[in-house]
Amino acid sequence: MKKIAQGLLLLGVIFSLSGCIAATVISTAVDVTTTVVGGAVDVVDTVTPDIIDDEE
């Protein structure tokens, strides 16, 4: 009975840790995506006025 309880406790700890790791990975992925999208918007903002100026 004690080994079963220890096994369940260990599984619970592993699931908790994997949940934290998953949350960290997702958070990091969101941060990277935000940075990439932000960078792309900056590039478009930089390039677009040049295109508009050329057309005028």
Protein backbone atom coordinates (compact mmCIF):
# COMPACT_ATOMS: atom_id res chain seq x y z
CA MET A 1 0.00 0.00 0.00
CA LYS A 2 2.83 2.37 0.88
CA LYS A 3 4.58 1.77 -2.47
CA ILE A 4 1.33 2.53 -4.33
CA ALA A 5 0.96 5.78 -2.40
CA GLN A 6 4.58 6.71 -3.15
CA GLY A 7 4.05 5.87 -6.83
CA LEU A 8 0.95 8.06 -7.02
CA LEU A 9 2.75 10.89 -5.21
CA LEU A 10 5.69 10.60 -7.62
CA LEU A 11 3.32 10.63 -10.60
CA GLY A 12 1.59 13.69 -9.17
CA VAL A 13 4.92 15.50 -8.78
CA ILE A 14 5.98 14.55 -12.33
CA PHE A 15 2.66 15.76 -13.78
CA SER A 16 2.95 19.00 -11.81
CA LEU A 17 6.49 19.58 -13.05
CA SER A 18 5.60 18.72 -16.64
CA GLY A 19 2.69 21.16 -16.40
CA CYS A 20 5.05 23.89 -15.22
CA ILE A 21 7.54 23.05 -17.97
CA ALA A 22 4.76 23.08 -20.58
CA ALA A 23 3.56 26.46 -19.32
CA THR A 24 7.13 27.80 -19.50
CA VAL A 25 7.61 26.46 -23.04
CA ILE A 26 4.27 27.94 -24.18
CA SER A 27 5.10 31.27 -22.53
CA THR A 28 8.52 31.34 -24.23
CA ALA A 29 6.95 30.45 -27.59
CA VAL A 30 4.43 33.29 -27.20
CA ASP A 31 7.23 35.73 -26.31
CA VAL A 32 9.27 34.67 -29.36
CA THR A 33 6.23 34.93 -31.64
CA THR A 34 5.42 38.39 -30.25
CA THR A 35 9.02 39.49 -30.83
CA VAL A 36 9.05 38.13 -34.40
CA VAL A 37 5.69 39.72 -35.25
CA GLY A 38 6.81 42.99 -33.65
CA GLY A 39 10.01 42.89 -35.71
CA ALA A 40 8.05 42.21 -38.90
CA VAL A 41 5.73 45.15 -38.17
CA ASP A 42 8.77 47.39 -37.61
CA VAL A 43 10.21 46.29 -40.97
CA VAL A 44 6.90 46.96 -42.74
CA ASP A 45 6.66 50.37 -41.05
CA THR A 46 10.20 51.16 -42.18
CA VAL A 47 9.75 49.95 -45.77
CA THR A 48 6.21 51.19 -46.41
CA PRO A 49 6.95 54.95 -46.25
CA ASP A 50 9.72 54.44 -48.84
CA ILE A 51 7.29 52.71 -51.21
CA ILE A 52 4.69 55.43 -50.71
CA ASP A 53 7.32 58.15 -51.24
CA ASP A 54 8.53 56.46 -54.44
CA GLU A 55 5.01 56.34 -55.87
CA GLU A 56 4.45 60.05 -55.25
